[in-house]
C-alpha atoms as a PDB file:
ATOM      1  CA  MET A   1      50.987 -15.039  -7.034  1.00  0.00           C
ATOM      2  CA  LYS A   2      47.570 -15.333  -8.673  1.00  0.00           C
ATOM      3  CA  TYR A   3      44.829 -17.963  -8.624  1.00  0.00           C
ATOM      4  CA  LYS A   4      41.457 -17.411 -10.219  1.00  0.00           C
ATOM      5  CA  GLU A   5      40.806 -13.711  -9.574  1.00  0.00           C
ATOM      6  CA  TYR A   6      42.703 -13.624  -6.267  1.00  0.00           C
ATOM      7  CA  LYS A   7      46.211 -12.287  -5.749  1.00  0.00           C
ATOM      8  CA  ALA A   8      48.614 -12.804  -2.883  1.00  0.00           C
ATOM      9  CA  ILE A   9      51.826 -11.291  -1.684  1.00  0.00           C
ATOM     10  CA  ILE A  10      54.557 -13.680  -0.608  1.00  0.00           C
ATOM     11  CA  GLU A  11      57.225 -13.264   2.039  1.00  0.00           C
ATOM     12  CA  TYR A  12      59.975 -15.500   3.362  1.00  0.00           C
ATOM     13  CA  ASP A  13      60.739 -16.086   7.049  1.00  0.00           C
ATOM     14  CA  GLU A  14      64.466 -16.785   7.345  1.00  0.00           C
ATOM     15  CA  ASP A  15      64.216 -18.014  10.937  1.00  0.00           C
ATOM     16  CA  ASP A  16      61.564 -20.629  10.182  1.00  0.00           C
ATOM     17  CA  ARG A  17      62.757 -21.151   6.562  1.00  0.00           C
ATOM     18  CA  LEU A  18      59.151 -20.844   5.445  1.00  0.00           C
ATOM     19  CA  PHE A  19      57.319 -18.991   2.704  1.00  0.00           C
ATOM     20  CA  PHE A  20      54.021 -17.417   3.690  1.00  0.00           C
ATOM     21  CA  GLY A  21      51.423 -15.510   1.779  1.00  0.00           C
ATOM     22  CA  ARG A  22      48.422 -13.283   2.302  1.00  0.00           C
ATOM     23  CA  VAL A  23      45.568 -12.714  -0.116  1.00  0.00           C
ATOM     24  CA  ILE A  24      45.305  -9.018  -0.927  1.00  0.00           C
ATOM     25  CA  ASN A  25      42.568  -6.676  -2.087  1.00  0.00           C
ATOM     26  CA  ILE A  26      39.809  -8.254   0.020  1.00  0.00           C
ATOM     27  CA  ARG A  27      38.695  -7.552   3.587  1.00  0.00           C
ATOM     28  CA  ASP A  28      38.543 -11.218   4.598  1.00  0.00           C
ATOM     29  CA  ILE A  29      41.833 -12.492   5.990  1.00  0.00           C
ATOM     30  CA  ILE A  30      43.265 -15.416   4.058  1.00  0.00           C
ATOM     31  CA  VAL A  31      46.789 -16.653   4.775  1.00  0.00           C
ATOM     32  CA  PHE A  32      48.778 -19.732   3.767  1.00  0.00           C
ATOM     33  CA  ASP A  33      52.329 -21.095   3.919  1.00  0.00           C
ATOM     34  CA  GLY A  34      54.682 -23.634   2.441  1.00  0.00           C
ATOM     35  CA  LEU A  35      58.256 -24.879   2.580  1.00  0.00           C
ATOM     36  CA  SER A  36      58.778 -24.655  -1.180  1.00  0.00           C
ATOM     37  CA  VAL A  37      57.340 -22.644  -4.038  1.00  0.00           C
ATOM     38  CA  ASP A  38      55.365 -25.673  -5.237  1.00  0.00           C
ATOM     39  CA  GLU A  39      53.980 -26.295  -1.744  1.00  0.00           C
ATOM     40  CA  LEU A  40      53.149 -22.604  -1.368  1.00  0.00           C
ATOM     41  CA  GLU A  41      51.303 -22.535  -4.689  1.00  0.00           C
ATOM     42  CA  GLN A  42      49.294 -25.640  -3.747  1.00  0.00           C
ATOM     43  CA  ALA A  43      48.446 -24.141  -0.349  1.00  0.00           C
ATOM     44  CA  PHE A  44      47.287 -20.920  -2.012  1.00  0.00           C
ATOM     45  CA  GLN A  45      44.991 -22.753  -4.395  1.00  0.00           C
ATOM     46  CA  LYS A  46      43.650 -24.944  -1.597  1.00  0.00           C
ATOM     47  CA  VAL A  47      42.898 -22.004   0.709  1.00  0.00           C
ATOM     48  CA  ILE A  48      41.068 -20.141  -2.083  1.00  0.00           C
ATOM     49  CA  GLU A  49      38.972 -23.215  -2.893  1.00  0.00           C
ATOM     50  CA  GLN A  50      38.197 -23.625   0.818  1.00  0.00           C
ATOM     51  CA  TYR A  51      37.270 -19.942   1.103  1.00  0.00           C
ATOM     52  CA  LEU A  52      34.863 -20.244  -1.839  1.00  0.00           C
ATOM     53  CA  ALA A  53      33.339 -23.442  -0.389  1.00  0.00           C
ATOM     54  CA  ASP A  54      32.958 -21.826   3.055  1.00  0.00           C
ATOM     55  CA  CYS A  55      31.239 -18.808   1.529  1.00  0.00           C
ATOM     56  CA  GLN A  56      28.835 -21.094  -0.308  1.00  0.00           C
ATOM     57  CA  SER A  57      28.055 -23.164   2.793  1.00  0.00           C
ATOM     58  CA  PHE A  58      27.349 -19.996   4.819  1.00  0.00           C
ATOM     59  CA  HIS A  59      25.267 -18.525   1.967  1.00  0.00           C
ATOM     60  CA  LYS A  60      27.695 -15.601   1.793  1.00  0.00           C
ATOM     61  CA  ALA A  61      28.960 -14.094  -1.442  1.00  0.00           C
ATOM     62  CA  PRO A  62      32.759 -14.345  -1.646  1.00  0.00           C
ATOM     63  CA  GLU A  63      34.531 -11.037  -1.804  1.00  0.00           C
ATOM     64  CA  ILE A  64      35.628  -9.947  -5.238  1.00  0.00           C
ATOM     65  CA  PRO A  65      39.136  -8.498  -5.143  1.00  0.00           C
ATOM     66  CA  ASN A  66      39.248  -4.714  -5.270  1.00  0.00           C
ATOM     67  CA  SER A  67      42.644  -3.239  -6.126  1.00  0.00           C
ATOM     68  CA  ASN A  68      41.784  -0.046  -4.237  1.00  0.00           C
ATOM     69  CA  LEU A  69      41.717  -1.826  -0.857  1.00  0.00           C
ATOM     70  CA  PHE A  70      45.425  -2.559  -0.629  1.00  0.00           C
ATOM     71  CA  LYS A  71      48.503  -1.115  -2.214  1.00  0.00           C
ATOM     72  CA  PRO A  72      51.701  -3.073  -1.423  1.00  0.00           C
ATOM     73  CA  ARG A  73      54.638  -1.075  -0.087  1.00  0.00           C
ATOM     74  CA  ARG A  74      57.539  -0.616  -2.428  1.00  0.00           C
END
């Protein structure tokens, strides 16, 4: 899943019947979840917008994704 320049990996929890995602390629930890794909996509966009707003309010530059930080397992 991608939004702006950020990418996330998505997993599904069968027990909780919940999708959850984690933004990759940055050191900051950003996670989100949803019960449907649409809800998950909205949550992803919302958490990225909140991350960018938080960075601005703390006068911190948001991390720019770096593909060398994380390589998903295959």
